[in-house]
Amino acid sequence: MNIHFIQHETYEAPGAYLKWAENRNYKISFSKVFEKDVLPDSIDFIDILIVMGGPQSPNTTIEECPHFNADAEIGLIQKCIAAGKAVVGVCLGSQLIGQALGANFNHSPEKEIGVFPITLTEDGKNDEKINHFGNILNVGHWHNDMPGLTKESKVLAFNEGCPIQIVSYSNLVYGFQCHMELNTEVVALLIESETDLLAKSEKFKFVQDPKTILDYDYTEMNEKLFQFLDKLVLVYKN
């Protein structure tokens, strides 16, 4: 299996997604656009495209962020979907998948930073790739926006702060507004990048203080993600 990551910032690291790929000895490649890596011209070598998060939004312009080309990433996502590749988007990545399929992103009702539970919808409970999450699962969050929905998409999970947490766009294309890749290392990078997180935790209902986020044990959440990805690989291979 060939796993290709698009990473937008150092602190939006792939975390548990990368660990999963390494543990299974899959081939791994990166487009680290913050280091001015170019996106691949060919998708022949890609089996699973994983598009990570970032502080940008799908309507961020090149003038606003010179290393982020939303149109180019959307084009790559469209090529992968059309070719029957598996595509997973995280946060910004999930929003870009929606845009690639003609569904505009929206602002989330609440800013979420920290660990809060998500609840599976009936579609989520019936989705064989994520129903092992259980009805309720604590997961990581670090966002202001949420992905758009197509007529064919299904919302698989929601929570009090955001009505669209996990989306299936097709049997091989999934968007995660939540951050199930978080681990202690990634959280430390995110906290360092966030301005006045402690003050925000006192202002916003769904923002936790740095110590609470850093001290959380992300092991169970990561294991659930690994199982999802293993199931996705099986469907892709078949």
C-alpha atoms as a PDB file:
ATOM      1  CA  MET A   1       0.000   0.000   0.000  1.00  0.00           C
ATOM      2  CA  ASN A   2       1.171   3.499  -0.859  1.00  0.00           C
ATOM      3  CA  ILE A   3       0.033   6.239   1.532  1.00  0.00           C
ATOM      4  CA  HIS A   4       0.527   9.846   0.442  1.00  0.00           C
ATOM      5  CA  PHE A   5       0.129  12.695   2.924  1.00  0.00           C
ATOM      6  CA  ILE A   6      -0.508  16.349   2.232  1.00  0.00           C
ATOM      7  CA  GLN A   7       0.721  18.280   5.265  1.00  0.00           C
ATOM      8  CA  HIS A   8       0.056  22.013   5.509  1.00  0.00           C
ATOM      9  CA  GLU A   9       1.996  23.001   8.631  1.00  0.00           C
ATOM     10  CA  THR A  10       4.661  21.469  10.881  1.00  0.00           C
ATOM     11  CA  TYR A  11       2.256  21.430  13.835  1.00  0.00           C
ATOM     12  CA  GLU A  12      -0.577  19.808  11.840  1.00  0.00           C
ATOM     13  CA  ALA A  13       1.375  16.560  11.829  1.00  0.00           C
ATOM     14  CA  PRO A  14      -0.161  13.218  10.796  1.00  0.00           C
ATOM     15  CA  GLY A  15       0.416  11.655  14.223  1.00  0.00           C
ATOM     16  CA  ALA A  16      -1.458   8.371  14.501  1.00  0.00           C
ATOM     17  CA  TYR A  17      -2.096   8.214  10.731  1.00  0.00           C
ATOM     18  CA  LEU A  18       1.656   8.091  10.138  1.00  0.00           C
ATOM     19  CA  LYS A  19       2.206   5.615  12.985  1.00  0.00           C
ATOM     20  CA  TRP A  20      -0.438   3.329  11.475  1.00  0.00           C
ATOM     21  CA  ALA A  21       1.264   3.377   8.079  1.00  0.00           C
ATOM     22  CA  GLU A  22       4.708   2.814   9.599  1.00  0.00           C
ATOM     23  CA  ASN A  23       3.515  -0.060  11.791  1.00  0.00           C
ATOM     24  CA  ARG A  24       2.144  -1.847   8.735  1.00  0.00           C
ATOM     25  CA  ASN A  25       5.268  -1.214   6.636  1.00  0.00           C
ATOM     26  CA  TYR A  26       3.337   0.658   3.980  1.00  0.00           C
ATOM     27  CA  LYS A  27       5.136   2.912   1.545  1.00  0.00           C
ATOM     28  CA  ILE A  28       4.852   6.533   2.707  1.00  0.00           C
ATOM     29  CA  SER A  29       5.289   9.769   0.805  1.00  0.00           C
ATOM     30  CA  PHE A  30       4.621  13.407   1.622  1.00  0.00           C
ATOM     31  CA  SER A  31       3.742  16.708   0.049  1.00  0.00           C
ATOM     32  CA  LYS A  32       4.844  19.060   2.830  1.00  0.00           C
ATOM     33  CA  VAL A  33       3.511  22.212   1.265  1.00  0.00           C
ATOM     34  CA  PHE A  34       4.816  24.358   4.145  1.00  0.00           C
ATOM     35  CA  GLU A  35       8.279  23.333   2.933  1.00  0.00           C
ATOM     36  CA  LYS A  36       7.269  24.269  -0.642  1.00  0.00           C
ATOM     37  CA  ASP A  37       6.918  20.661  -1.783  1.00  0.00           C
ATOM     38  CA  VAL A  38       4.979  20.405  -5.015  1.00  0.00           C
ATOM     39  CA  LEU A  39       1.915  18.201  -5.276  1.00  0.00           C
ATOM     40  CA  PRO A  40       2.414  15.010  -7.309  1.00  0.00           C
ATOM     41  CA  ASP A  41       1.759  15.215 -11.049  1.00  0.00           C
ATOM     42  CA  SER A  42       0.800  11.553 -11.206  1.00  0.00           C
ATOM     43  CA  ILE A  43      -1.470   9.679  -8.829  1.00  0.00           C
ATOM     44  CA  ASP A  44      -0.473   6.243 -10.105  1.00  0.00           C
ATOM     45  CA  PHE A  45       1.653   5.546  -7.016  1.00  0.00           C
ATOM     46  CA  ILE A  46      -1.090   6.585  -4.544  1.00  0.00           C
ATOM     47  CA  ASP A  47      -3.454   4.082  -2.939  1.00  0.00           C
ATOM     48  CA  ILE A  48      -4.640   6.256  -0.059  1.00  0.00           C
ATOM     49  CA  LEU A  49      -4.438  10.047  -0.049  1.00  0.00           C
ATOM     50  CA  ILE A  50      -4.578  11.586   3.434  1.00  0.00           C
ATOM     51  CA  VAL A  51      -5.046  15.362   3.514  1.00  0.00           C
ATOM     52  CA  MET A  52      -4.202  16.875   6.881  1.00  0.00           C
ATOM     53  CA  GLY A  53      -5.513  19.964   8.640  1.00  0.00           C
ATOM     54  CA  GLY A  54      -4.253  23.507   8.905  1.00  0.00           C
ATOM     55  CA  PRO A  55      -5.202  27.011   9.964  1.00  0.00           C
ATOM     56  CA  GLN A  56      -6.248  27.793   6.399  1.00  0.00           C
ATOM     57  CA  SER A  57      -9.742  27.382   4.979  1.00  0.00           C
ATOM     58  CA  PRO A  58     -10.698  26.276   1.452  1.00  0.00           C
ATOM     59  CA  ASN A  59     -11.162  29.914   0.445  1.00  0.00           C
ATOM     60  CA  THR A  60      -7.722  31.007   1.680  1.00  0.00           C
ATOM     61  CA  THR A  61      -5.917  32.604  -1.268  1.00  0.00           C
ATOM     62  CA  ILE A  62      -2.302  32.176  -2.354  1.00  0.00           C
ATOM     63  CA  GLU A  63      -1.833  35.863  -1.552  1.00  0.00           C
ATOM     64  CA  GLU A  64      -2.925  35.169   2.032  1.00  0.00           C
ATOM     65  CA  CYS A  65      -0.846  31.977   2.336  1.00  0.00           C
ATOM     66  CA  PRO A  66       1.723  31.504  -0.449  1.00  0.00           C
ATOM     67  CA  HIS A  67       2.400  27.839   0.323  1.00  0.00           C
ATOM     68  CA  PHE A  68      -1.260  26.802   0.211  1.00  0.00           C
ATOM     69  CA  ASN A  69      -2.963  26.327  -3.158  1.00  0.00           C
ATOM     70  CA  ALA A  70      -6.507  25.205  -2.455  1.00  0.00           C
ATOM     71  CA  ASP A  71      -7.433  24.801  -6.128  1.00  0.00           C
ATOM     72  CA  ALA A  72      -4.424  22.560  -6.771  1.00  0.00           C
ATOM     73  CA  GLU A  73      -5.230  20.356  -3.780  1.00  0.00           C
ATOM     74  CA  ILE A  74      -8.884  20.172  -4.764  1.00  0.00           C
ATOM     75  CA  GLY A  75      -7.803  19.108  -8.243  1.00  0.00           C
ATOM     76  CA  LEU A  76      -5.597  16.343  -6.835  1.00  0.00           C
ATOM     77  CA  ILE A  77      -8.421  15.125  -4.600  1.00  0.00           C
ATOM     78  CA  GLN A  78     -10.782  15.050  -7.587  1.00  0.00           C
ATOM     79  CA  LYS A  79      -8.270  13.008  -9.616  1.00  0.00           C
ATOM     80  CA  CYS A  80      -7.858  10.503  -6.798  1.00  0.00           C
ATOM     81  CA  ILE A  81     -11.594  10.104  -6.267  1.00  0.00           C
ATOM     82  CA  ALA A  82     -12.217   9.696 -10.006  1.00  0.00           C
ATOM     83  CA  ALA A  83      -9.502   7.030 -10.173  1.00  0.00           C
ATOM     84  CA  GLY A  84     -11.027   5.013  -7.327  1.00  0.00           C
ATOM     85  CA  LYS A  85      -8.355   5.827  -4.767  1.00  0.00           C
ATOM     86  CA  ALA A  86      -9.190   5.993  -1.069  1.00  0.00           C
ATOM     87  CA  VAL A  87      -9.181   9.559   0.283  1.00  0.00           C
ATOM     88  CA  VAL A  88      -9.269  10.650   3.929  1.00  0.00           C
ATOM     89  CA  GLY A  89      -9.435  14.293   4.964  1.00  0.00           C
ATOM     90  CA  VAL A  90      -8.751  15.696   8.429  1.00  0.00           C
ATOM     91  CA  CYS A  91     -10.205  19.076   9.435  1.00  0.00           C
ATOM     92  CA  LEU A  92      -9.130  21.343   6.542  1.00  0.00           C
ATOM     93  CA  GLY A  93      -8.638  18.173   4.529  1.00  0.00           C
ATOM     94  CA  SER A  94     -12.252  17.157   5.081  1.00  0.00           C
ATOM     95  CA  GLN A  95     -13.405  20.598   3.973  1.00  0.00           C
ATOM     96  CA  LEU A  96     -11.300  20.341   0.811  1.00  0.00           C
ATOM     97  CA  ILE A  97     -12.906  16.972  -0.003  1.00  0.00           C
ATOM     98  CA  GLY A  98     -16.333  18.571   0.281  1.00  0.00           C
ATOM     99  CA  GLN A  99     -15.232  21.420  -1.995  1.00  0.00           C
ATOM    100  CA  ALA A 100     -13.833  18.907  -4.492  1.00  0.00           C
ATOM    101  CA  LEU A 101     -17.274  17.287  -4.641  1.00  0.00           C
ATOM    102  CA  GLY A 102     -19.126  20.603  -4.977  1.00  0.00           C
ATOM    103  CA  ALA A 103     -20.128  21.119  -1.338  1.00  0.00           C
ATOM    104  CA  ASN A 104     -19.049  24.396   0.255  1.00  0.00           C
ATOM    105  CA  PHE A 105     -17.573  24.357   3.740  1.00  0.00           C
ATOM    106  CA  ASN A 106     -19.241  26.247   6.584  1.00  0.00           C
ATOM    107  CA  HIS A 107     -18.206  27.775   9.878  1.00  0.00           C
ATOM    108  CA  SER A 108     -18.811  25.482  12.825  1.00  0.00           C
ATOM    109  CA  PRO A 109     -21.307  26.731  15.425  1.00  0.00           C
ATOM    110  CA  GLU A 110     -18.583  26.534  18.079  1.00  0.00           C
ATOM    111  CA  LYS A 111     -14.806  26.740  18.249  1.00  0.00           C
ATOM    112  CA  GLU A 112     -13.543  23.400  19.565  1.00  0.00           C
ATOM    113  CA  ILE A 113     -10.095  22.763  21.003  1.00  0.00           C
ATOM    114  CA  GLY A 114      -9.503  19.781  23.254  1.00  0.00           C
ATOM    115  CA  VAL A 115     -11.115  16.402  23.847  1.00  0.00           C
ATOM    116  CA  PHE A 116     -14.898  16.112  23.659  1.00  0.00           C
ATOM    117  CA  PRO A 117     -17.231  13.201  22.880  1.00  0.00           C
ATOM    118  CA  ILE A 118     -18.802  12.579  19.497  1.00  0.00           C
ATOM    119  CA  THR A 119     -21.977  10.554  18.986  1.00  0.00           C
ATOM    120  CA  LEU A 120     -22.583   8.235  16.060  1.00  0.00           C
ATOM    121  CA  THR A 121     -25.680   8.815  13.961  1.00  0.00           C
ATOM    122  CA  GLU A 122     -27.761   5.896  12.697  1.00  0.00           C
ATOM    123  CA  ASP A 123     -25.708   6.032   9.499  1.00  0.00           C
ATOM    124  CA  GLY A 124     -22.594   5.905  11.644  1.00  0.00           C
ATOM    125  CA  LYS A 125     -23.812   2.884  13.562  1.00  0.00           C
ATOM    126  CA  ASN A 126     -24.505   1.181  10.222  1.00  0.00           C
ATOM    127  CA  ASP A 127     -21.135   2.074   8.714  1.00  0.00           C
ATOM    128  CA  GLU A 128     -18.954  -1.006   9.087  1.00  0.00           C
ATOM    129  CA  LYS A 129     -15.745   1.015   9.041  1.00  0.00           C
ATOM    130  CA  ILE A 130     -16.580   3.117  12.109  1.00  0.00           C
ATOM    131  CA  ASN A 131     -19.269   1.273  14.054  1.00  0.00           C
ATOM    132  CA  HIS A 132     -16.529  -0.124  16.314  1.00  0.00           C
ATOM    133  CA  PHE A 133     -16.223   3.429  17.720  1.00  0.00           C
ATOM    134  CA  GLY A 134     -19.283   2.697  19.845  1.00  0.00           C
ATOM    135  CA  ASN A 135     -22.200   5.068  20.255  1.00  0.00           C
ATOM    136  CA  ILE A 136     -20.057   7.702  21.978  1.00  0.00           C
ATOM    137  CA  LEU A 137     -16.298   8.219  21.745  1.00  0.00           C
ATOM    138  CA  ASN A 138     -13.982  10.895  23.136  1.00  0.00           C
ATOM    139  CA  VAL A 139     -11.904  12.392  20.319  1.00  0.00           C
ATOM    140  CA  GLY A 140      -9.641  15.370  19.708  1.00  0.00           C
ATOM    141  CA  HIS A 141     -10.767  18.691  18.241  1.00  0.00           C
ATOM    142  CA  TRP A 142      -8.979  21.775  16.932  1.00  0.00           C
ATOM    143  CA  HIS A 143     -11.210  23.718  14.566  1.00  0.00           C
ATOM    144  CA  ASN A 144     -13.505  26.594  13.663  1.00  0.00           C
ATOM    145  CA  ASP A 145     -15.037  25.253  10.436  1.00  0.00           C
ATOM    146  CA  MET A 146     -16.740  22.109   9.148  1.00  0.00           C
ATOM    147  CA  PRO A 147     -17.048  20.327   5.782  1.00  0.00           C
ATOM    148  CA  GLY A 148     -19.890  20.735   3.338  1.00  0.00           C
ATOM    149  CA  LEU A 149     -22.263  17.935   2.433  1.00  0.00           C
ATOM    150  CA  THR A 150     -23.223  16.484  -0.930  1.00  0.00           C
ATOM    151  CA  LYS A 151     -26.523  14.773  -1.711  1.00  0.00           C
ATOM    152  CA  GLU A 152     -24.784  11.409  -1.520  1.00  0.00           C
ATOM    153  CA  SER A 153     -22.810  12.043   1.676  1.00  0.00           C
ATOM    154  CA  LYS A 154     -23.765  10.727   5.098  1.00  0.00           C
ATOM    155  CA  VAL A 155     -23.035  12.368   8.447  1.00  0.00           C
ATOM    156  CA  LEU A 156     -21.683   9.559  10.621  1.00  0.00           C
ATOM    157  CA  ALA A 157     -20.958  11.470  13.827  1.00  0.00           C
ATOM    158  CA  PHE A 158     -21.787  14.787  15.495  1.00  0.00           C
ATOM    159  CA  ASN A 159     -21.476  16.491  18.840  1.00  0.00           C
ATOM    160  CA  GLU A 160     -22.794  19.461  20.762  1.00  0.00           C
ATOM    161  CA  GLY A 161     -20.204  21.840  19.354  1.00  0.00           C
ATOM    162  CA  CYS A 162     -20.331  20.775  15.696  1.00  0.00           C
ATOM    163  CA  PRO A 163     -23.072  18.887  13.797  1.00  0.00           C
ATOM    164  CA  ILE A 164     -20.662  17.426  11.213  1.00  0.00           C
ATOM    165  CA  GLN A 165     -17.786  15.505  12.784  1.00  0.00           C
ATOM    166  CA  ILE A 166     -17.361  12.505  10.454  1.00  0.00           C
ATOM    167  CA  VAL A 167     -18.696  12.243   6.899  1.00  0.00           C
ATOM    168  CA  SER A 168     -18.690   9.422   4.379  1.00  0.00           C
ATOM    169  CA  TYR A 169     -18.745  10.846   0.869  1.00  0.00           C
ATOM    170  CA  SER A 170     -18.497   7.377  -0.641  1.00  0.00           C
ATOM    171  CA  ASN A 171     -17.322   3.923   0.368  1.00  0.00           C
ATOM    172  CA  LEU A 172     -13.700   5.057  -0.067  1.00  0.00           C
ATOM    173  CA  VAL A 173     -13.870   8.778   0.780  1.00  0.00           C
ATOM    174  CA  TYR A 174     -14.165  10.010   4.366  1.00  0.00           C
ATOM    175  CA  GLY A 175     -13.907  13.376   6.052  1.00  0.00           C
ATOM    176  CA  PHE A 176     -12.974  13.763   9.727  1.00  0.00           C
ATOM    177  CA  GLN A 177     -13.570  17.207  11.156  1.00  0.00           C
ATOM    178  CA  CYS A 178     -12.344  15.777  14.459  1.00  0.00           C
ATOM    179  CA  HIS A 179      -8.680  14.946  15.062  1.00  0.00           C
ATOM    180  CA  MET A 180      -8.321  11.260  15.889  1.00  0.00           C
ATOM    181  CA  GLU A 181      -4.631  11.439  14.945  1.00  0.00           C
ATOM    182  CA  LEU A 182      -3.712  13.467  18.027  1.00  0.00           C
ATOM    183  CA  ASN A 183      -1.086  12.147  20.397  1.00  0.00           C
ATOM    184  CA  THR A 184       1.080  13.838  23.003  1.00  0.00           C
ATOM    185  CA  GLU A 185       3.694  14.909  20.449  1.00  0.00           C
ATOM    186  CA  VAL A 186       1.194  16.456  18.032  1.00  0.00           C
ATOM    187  CA  VAL A 187      -0.750  18.122  20.849  1.00  0.00           C
ATOM    188  CA  ALA A 188       2.437  19.747  22.139  1.00  0.00           C
ATOM    189  CA  LEU A 189       3.073  21.203  18.664  1.00  0.00           C
ATOM    190  CA  LEU A 190      -0.494  22.475  18.390  1.00  0.00           C
ATOM    191  CA  ILE A 191      -0.429  24.077  21.837  1.00  0.00           C
ATOM    192  CA  GLU A 192       2.817  25.840  20.949  1.00  0.00           C
ATOM    193  CA  SER A 193       1.235  27.192  17.762  1.00  0.00           C
ATOM    194  CA  GLU A 194      -1.952  28.431  19.468  1.00  0.00           C
ATOM    195  CA  THR A 195      -2.043  32.009  20.759  1.00  0.00           C
ATOM    196  CA  ASP A 196      -3.418  32.540  24.275  1.00  0.00           C
ATOM    197  CA  LEU A 197      -4.949  29.064  24.592  1.00  0.00           C
ATOM    198  CA  LEU A 198      -5.432  29.442  28.334  1.00  0.00           C
ATOM    199  CA  ALA A 199      -7.366  32.678  27.825  1.00  0.00           C
ATOM    200  CA  LYS A 200      -9.461  31.044  25.103  1.00  0.00           C
ATOM    201  CA  SER A 201     -10.291  28.177  27.455  1.00  0.00           C
ATOM    202  CA  GLU A 202     -11.804  30.683  29.859  1.00  0.00           C
ATOM    203  CA  LYS A 203     -13.807  32.362  27.083  1.00  0.00           C
ATOM    204  CA  PHE A 204     -15.101  29.518  24.906  1.00  0.00           C
ATOM    205  CA  LYS A 205     -17.326  26.671  26.071  1.00  0.00           C
ATOM    206  CA  PHE A 206     -15.572  24.015  24.003  1.00  0.00           C
ATOM    207  CA  VAL A 207     -11.948  25.044  24.480  1.00  0.00           C
ATOM    208  CA  GLN A 208      -9.923  23.265  27.155  1.00  0.00           C
ATOM    209  CA  ASP A 209      -6.816  24.496  28.946  1.00  0.00           C
ATOM    210  CA  PRO A 210      -3.387  23.308  27.706  1.00  0.00           C
ATOM    211  CA  LYS A 211      -2.666  20.971  30.624  1.00  0.00           C
ATOM    212  CA  THR A 212      -5.963  19.114  30.248  1.00  0.00           C
ATOM    213  CA  ILE A 213      -5.323  18.546  26.551  1.00  0.00           C
ATOM    214  CA  LEU A 214      -1.693  17.535  27.006  1.00  0.00           C
ATOM    215  CA  ASP A 215      -2.391  15.130  29.874  1.00  0.00           C
ATOM    216  CA  TYR A 216      -5.129  13.193  28.056  1.00  0.00           C
ATOM    217  CA  ASP A 217      -4.404   9.576  27.085  1.00  0.00           C
ATOM    218  CA  TYR A 218      -5.095   9.319  23.344  1.00  0.00           C
ATOM    219  CA  THR A 219      -4.364   5.592  23.067  1.00  0.00           C
ATOM    220  CA  GLU A 220      -7.952   4.324  22.741  1.00  0.00           C
ATOM    221  CA  MET A 221      -8.855   6.964  20.168  1.00  0.00           C
ATOM    222  CA  ASN A 222      -5.755   6.143  18.101  1.00  0.00           C
ATOM    223  CA  GLU A 223      -6.544   2.417  18.204  1.00  0.00           C
ATOM    224  CA  LYS A 224     -10.073   3.088  16.947  1.00  0.00           C
ATOM    225  CA  LEU A 225      -8.568   5.103  14.081  1.00  0.00           C
ATOM    226  CA  PHE A 226      -6.169   2.266  13.231  1.00  0.00           C
ATOM    227  CA  GLN A 227      -9.127  -0.129  12.967  1.00  0.00           C
ATOM    228  CA  PHE A 228     -10.979   2.287  10.667  1.00  0.00           C
ATOM    229  CA  LEU A 229      -7.948   2.579   8.396  1.00  0.00           C
ATOM    230  CA  ASP A 230      -7.441  -1.201   8.302  1.00  0.00           C
ATOM    231  CA  LYS A 231     -11.069  -1.638   7.262  1.00  0.00           C
ATOM    232  CA  LEU A 232     -10.672   1.049   4.600  1.00  0.00           C
ATOM    233  CA  VAL A 233      -7.663  -0.786   3.174  1.00  0.00           C
ATOM    234  CA  LEU A 234      -9.648  -4.028   2.948  1.00  0.00           C
ATOM    235  CA  VAL A 235     -12.449  -2.319   1.023  1.00  0.00           C
ATOM    236  CA  TYR A 236      -9.929  -0.619  -1.261  1.00  0.00           C
ATOM    237  CA  LYS A 237      -8.176  -3.901  -2.032  1.00  0.00           C
ATOM    238  CA  ASN A 238     -11.474  -5.596  -2.864  1.00  0.00           C
END
